[in-house]
Amino acid sequence: DEQGGGQWGDFTGLESKEIRRVFIRKVYSILMIQLSITFGLIALFHFTPSIREY
């Protein structure tokens, strides 16, 4: 509705607890993957002598 006074309609997608739970799980999964890769690279650069000397 173009003249709805800024209302976005009756979207109820994130109101469902199941959908919200799945969304939060995906977000935390992506975050944990990114942190794991970051810490893995830090460990590689810290504990590999030839890379550390560079």
PDB file of N, CA and C in Angstrom:
ATOM      1  N   ASP A   1       0.852  -1.178   0.000  1.00  0.00           N
ATOM      2  CA  ASP A   1       0.000   0.000   0.000  1.00  0.00           C
ATOM      3  C   ASP A   1       0.889   1.229   0.000  1.00  0.00           C
ATOM      4  N   GLU A   2       0.797   2.018  -1.068  1.00  0.00           N
ATOM      5  CA  GLU A   2       1.651   3.194  -1.193  1.00  0.00           C
ATOM      6  C   GLU A   2       1.260   4.286  -0.219  1.00  0.00           C
ATOM      7  N   GLN A   3       0.015   4.316   0.205  1.00  0.00           N
ATOM      8  CA  GLN A   3      -0.438   5.351   1.120  1.00  0.00           C
ATOM      9  C   GLN A   3      -0.706   4.777   2.506  1.00  0.00           C
ATOM     10  N   GLY A   4       0.082   3.817   2.898  1.00  0.00           N
ATOM     11  CA  GLY A   4      -0.135   3.135   4.170  1.00  0.00           C
ATOM     12  C   GLY A   4       0.481   3.838   5.355  1.00  0.00           C
ATOM     13  N   GLY A   5       0.998   5.027   5.162  1.00  0.00           N
ATOM     14  CA  GLY A   5       1.567   5.752   6.283  1.00  0.00           C
ATOM     15  C   GLY A   5       2.862   5.147   6.797  1.00  0.00           C
ATOM     16  N   GLY A   6       3.647   4.576   5.898  1.00  0.00           N
ATOM     17  CA  GLY A   6       4.913   3.991   6.308  1.00  0.00           C
ATOM     18  C   GLY A   6       4.812   2.575   6.825  1.00  0.00           C
ATOM     19  N   GLN A   7       3.663   1.979   6.774  1.00  0.00           N
ATOM     20  CA  GLN A   7       3.500   0.609   7.231  1.00  0.00           C
ATOM     21  C   GLN A   7       4.038  -0.335   6.161  1.00  0.00           C
ATOM     22  N   TRP A   8       4.628  -1.403   6.599  1.00  0.00           N
ATOM     23  CA  TRP A   8       5.208  -2.367   5.674  1.00  0.00           C
ATOM     24  C   TRP A   8       4.299  -3.569   5.458  1.00  0.00           C
ATOM     25  N   GLY A   9       3.130  -3.532   5.952  1.00  0.00           N
ATOM     26  CA  GLY A   9       2.203  -4.634   5.757  1.00  0.00           C
ATOM     27  C   GLY A   9       2.185  -5.560   6.955  1.00  0.00           C
ATOM     28  N   ASP A  10       1.586  -6.704   6.771  1.00  0.00           N
ATOM     29  CA  ASP A  10       1.432  -7.673   7.856  1.00  0.00           C
ATOM     30  C   ASP A  10       2.440  -8.810   7.718  1.00  0.00           C
ATOM     31  N   PHE A  11       3.716  -8.471   7.650  1.00  0.00           N
ATOM     32  CA  PHE A  11       4.735  -9.504   7.541  1.00  0.00           C
ATOM     33  C   PHE A  11       4.907 -10.177   8.892  1.00  0.00           C
ATOM     34  N   THR A  12       4.782 -11.478   8.893  1.00  0.00           N
ATOM     35  CA  THR A  12       4.911 -12.221  10.148  1.00  0.00           C
ATOM     36  C   THR A  12       6.035 -13.236  10.060  1.00  0.00           C
ATOM     37  N   GLY A  13       6.977 -13.041   9.134  1.00  0.00           N
ATOM     38  CA  GLY A  13       8.040 -14.013   8.927  1.00  0.00           C
ATOM     39  C   GLY A  13       8.912 -14.241  10.140  1.00  0.00           C
ATOM     40  N   LEU A  14       9.318 -13.179  10.828  1.00  0.00           N
ATOM     41  CA  LEU A  14      10.207 -13.346  11.973  1.00  0.00           C
ATOM     42  C   LEU A  14       9.452 -13.499  13.284  1.00  0.00           C
ATOM     43  N   GLU A  15       8.146 -13.520  13.221  1.00  0.00           N
ATOM     44  CA  GLU A  15       7.371 -13.694  14.438  1.00  0.00           C
ATOM     45  C   GLU A  15       7.262 -15.159  14.831  1.00  0.00           C
ATOM     46  N   SER A  16       7.479 -16.033  13.885  1.00  0.00           N
ATOM     47  CA  SER A  16       7.432 -17.455  14.185  1.00  0.00           C
ATOM     48  C   SER A  16       8.686 -17.840  14.968  1.00  0.00           C
ATOM     49  N   LYS A  17       8.505 -18.502  16.093  1.00  0.00           N
ATOM     50  CA  LYS A  17       9.647 -18.873  16.929  1.00  0.00           C
ATOM     51  C   LYS A  17      10.566 -19.855  16.219  1.00  0.00           C
ATOM     52  N   GLU A  18      10.006 -20.742  15.426  1.00  0.00           N
ATOM     53  CA  GLU A  18      10.822 -21.715  14.703  1.00  0.00           C
ATOM     54  C   GLU A  18      11.700 -21.024  13.664  1.00  0.00           C
ATOM     55  N   ILE A  19      11.129 -20.107  12.902  1.00  0.00           N
ATOM     56  CA  ILE A  19      11.893 -19.383  11.888  1.00  0.00           C
ATOM     57  C   ILE A  19      12.975 -18.542  12.552  1.00  0.00           C
ATOM     58  N   ARG A  20      12.640 -17.893  13.645  1.00  0.00           N
ATOM     59  CA  ARG A  20      13.616 -17.076  14.370  1.00  0.00           C
ATOM     60  C   ARG A  20      14.754 -17.938  14.900  1.00  0.00           C
ATOM     61  N   ARG A  21      14.429 -19.109  15.427  1.00  0.00           N
ATOM     62  CA  ARG A  21      15.452 -20.006  15.972  1.00  0.00           C
ATOM     63  C   ARG A  21      16.397 -20.492  14.881  1.00  0.00           C
ATOM     64  N   VAL A  22      15.851 -20.845  13.717  1.00  0.00           N
ATOM     65  CA  VAL A  22      16.675 -21.289  12.596  1.00  0.00           C
ATOM     66  C   VAL A  22      17.563 -20.146  12.106  1.00  0.00           C
ATOM     67  N   PHE A  23      17.021 -18.945  12.040  1.00  0.00           N
ATOM     68  CA  PHE A  23      17.793 -17.784  11.598  1.00  0.00           C
ATOM     69  C   PHE A  23      18.959 -17.516  12.550  1.00  0.00           C
ATOM     70  N   ILE A  24      18.696 -17.539  13.843  1.00  0.00           N
ATOM     71  CA  ILE A  24      19.752 -17.283  14.828  1.00  0.00           C
ATOM     72  C   ILE A  24      20.812 -18.379  14.764  1.00  0.00           C
ATOM     73  N   ARG A  25      20.389 -19.621  14.562  1.00  0.00           N
ATOM     74  CA  ARG A  25      21.353 -20.716  14.439  1.00  0.00           C
ATOM     75  C   ARG A  25      22.252 -20.502  13.229  1.00  0.00           C
ATOM     76  N   LYS A  26      21.693 -20.062  12.101  1.00  0.00           N
ATOM     77  CA  LYS A  26      22.504 -19.810  10.911  1.00  0.00           C
ATOM     78  C   LYS A  26      23.492 -18.677  11.147  1.00  0.00           C
ATOM     79  N   VAL A  27      23.036 -17.611  11.790  1.00  0.00           N
ATOM     80  CA  VAL A  27      23.912 -16.470  12.055  1.00  0.00           C
ATOM     81  C   VAL A  27      25.071 -16.892  12.952  1.00  0.00           C
ATOM     82  N   TYR A  28      24.782 -17.616  14.030  1.00  0.00           N
ATOM     83  CA  TYR A  28      25.846 -18.057  14.932  1.00  0.00           C
ATOM     84  C   TYR A  28      26.764 -19.076  14.260  1.00  0.00           C
ATOM     85  N   SER A  29      26.230 -19.893  13.374  1.00  0.00           N
ATOM     86  CA  SER A  29      27.071 -20.844  12.647  1.00  0.00           C
ATOM     87  C   SER A  29      28.059 -20.113  11.752  1.00  0.00           C
ATOM     88  N   ILE A  30      27.580 -19.115  11.029  1.00  0.00           N
ATOM     89  CA  ILE A  30      28.463 -18.326  10.171  1.00  0.00           C
ATOM     90  C   ILE A  30      29.519 -17.618  11.006  1.00  0.00           C
ATOM     91  N   LEU A  31      29.121 -17.059  12.130  1.00  0.00           N
ATOM     92  CA  LEU A  31      30.064 -16.378  13.016  1.00  0.00           C
ATOM     93  C   LEU A  31      31.133 -17.341  13.534  1.00  0.00           C
ATOM     94  N   MET A  32      30.734 -18.533  13.941  1.00  0.00           N
ATOM     95  CA  MET A  32      31.702 -19.504  14.459  1.00  0.00           C
ATOM     96  C   MET A  32      32.659 -19.982  13.372  1.00  0.00           C
ATOM     97  N   ILE A  33      32.172 -20.139  12.148  1.00  0.00           N
ATOM     98  CA  ILE A  33      33.050 -20.526  11.040  1.00  0.00           C
ATOM     99  C   ILE A  33      34.081 -19.434  10.788  1.00  0.00           C
ATOM    100  N   GLN A  34      33.646 -18.180  10.765  1.00  0.00           N
ATOM    101  CA  GLN A  34      34.574 -17.070  10.546  1.00  0.00           C
ATOM    102  C   GLN A  34      35.615 -16.988  11.659  1.00  0.00           C
ATOM    103  N   LEU A  35      35.185 -17.141  12.907  1.00  0.00           N
ATOM    104  CA  LEU A  35      36.129 -17.090  14.020  1.00  0.00           C
ATOM    105  C   LEU A  35      37.102 -18.271  13.979  1.00  0.00           C
ATOM    106  N   SER A  36      36.625 -19.438  13.604  1.00  0.00           N
ATOM    107  CA  SER A  36      37.503 -20.607  13.516  1.00  0.00           C
ATOM    108  C   SER A  36      38.576 -20.416  12.454  1.00  0.00           C
ATOM    109  N   ILE A  37      38.190 -19.895  11.302  1.00  0.00           N
ATOM    110  CA  ILE A  37      39.164 -19.633  10.242  1.00  0.00           C
ATOM    111  C   ILE A  37      40.174 -18.588  10.697  1.00  0.00           C
ATOM    112  N   THR A  38      39.698 -17.531  11.341  1.00  0.00           N
ATOM    113  CA  THR A  38      40.587 -16.478  11.818  1.00  0.00           C
ATOM    114  C   THR A  38      41.590 -17.018  12.828  1.00  0.00           C
ATOM    115  N   PHE A  39      41.112 -17.755  13.825  1.00  0.00           N
ATOM    116  CA  PHE A  39      42.022 -18.300  14.833  1.00  0.00           C
ATOM    117  C   PHE A  39      42.944 -19.365  14.242  1.00  0.00           C
ATOM    118  N   GLY A  40      42.466 -20.100  13.250  1.00  0.00           N
ATOM    119  CA  GLY A  40      43.326 -21.068  12.573  1.00  0.00           C
ATOM    120  C   GLY A  40      44.480 -20.391  11.857  1.00  0.00           C
ATOM    121  N   LEU A  41      44.190 -19.292  11.175  1.00  0.00           N
ATOM    122  CA  LEU A  41      45.256 -18.548  10.498  1.00  0.00           C
ATOM    123  C   LEU A  41      46.219 -17.921  11.496  1.00  0.00           C
ATOM    124  N   ILE A  42      45.698 -17.401  12.592  1.00  0.00           N
ATOM    125  CA  ILE A  42      46.564 -16.833  13.632  1.00  0.00           C
ATOM    126  C   ILE A  42      47.489 -17.917  14.186  1.00  0.00           C
ATOM    127  N   ALA A  43      46.944 -19.092  14.463  1.00  0.00           N
ATOM    128  CA  ALA A  43      47.763 -20.189  14.985  1.00  0.00           C
ATOM    129  C   ALA A  43      48.815 -20.611  13.964  1.00  0.00           C
ATOM    130  N   LEU A  44      48.444 -20.666  12.696  1.00  0.00           N
ATOM    131  CA  LEU A  44      49.393 -21.028  11.644  1.00  0.00           C
ATOM    132  C   LEU A  44      50.554 -20.049  11.606  1.00  0.00           C
ATOM    133  N   PHE A  45      50.254 -18.761  11.618  1.00  0.00           N
ATOM    134  CA  PHE A  45      51.308 -17.752  11.555  1.00  0.00           C
ATOM    135  C   PHE A  45      52.116 -17.690  12.846  1.00  0.00           C
ATOM    136  N   HIS A  46      51.525 -18.045  13.953  1.00  0.00           N
ATOM    137  CA  HIS A  46      52.224 -17.963  15.234  1.00  0.00           C
ATOM    138  C   HIS A  46      53.114 -19.177  15.497  1.00  0.00           C
ATOM    139  N   PHE A  47      52.664 -20.370  15.099  1.00  0.00           N
ATOM    140  CA  PHE A  47      53.379 -21.589  15.465  1.00  0.00           C
ATOM    141  C   PHE A  47      54.233 -22.185  14.348  1.00  0.00           C
ATOM    142  N   THR A  48      54.219 -21.630  13.151  1.00  0.00           N
ATOM    143  CA  THR A  48      55.059 -22.130  12.067  1.00  0.00           C
ATOM    144  C   THR A  48      56.325 -21.280  12.017  1.00  0.00           C
ATOM    145  N   PRO A  49      57.480 -21.882  12.336  1.00  0.00           N
ATOM    146  CA  PRO A  49      58.713 -21.086  12.451  1.00  0.00           C
ATOM    147  C   PRO A  49      59.101 -20.345  11.171  1.00  0.00           C
ATOM    148  N   SER A  50      58.971 -21.003  10.013  1.00  0.00           N
ATOM    149  CA  SER A  50      59.391 -20.337   8.778  1.00  0.00           C
ATOM    150  C   SER A  50      58.501 -19.140   8.451  1.00  0.00           C
ATOM    151  N   ILE A  51      57.238 -19.261   8.731  1.00  0.00           N
ATOM    152  CA  ILE A  51      56.325 -18.137   8.497  1.00  0.00           C
ATOM    153  C   ILE A  51      56.548 -17.060   9.550  1.00  0.00           C
ATOM    154  N   ARG A  52      56.820 -17.488  10.772  1.00  0.00           N
ATOM    155  CA  ARG A  52      57.024 -16.535  11.864  1.00  0.00           C
ATOM    156  C   ARG A  52      58.275 -15.689  11.640  1.00  0.00           C
ATOM    157  N   GLU A  53      59.325 -16.282  11.068  1.00  0.00           N
ATOM    158  CA  GLU A  53      60.556 -15.540  10.798  1.00  0.00           C
ATOM    159  C   GLU A  53      60.366 -14.506   9.704  1.00  0.00           C
ATOM    160  N   TYR A  54      59.442 -14.748   8.812  1.00  0.00           N
ATOM    161  CA  TYR A  54      59.200 -13.816   7.710  1.00  0.00           C
ATOM    162  C   TYR A  54      58.652 -12.526   8.265  1.00  0.00           C
TER     163      TYR A  54
END
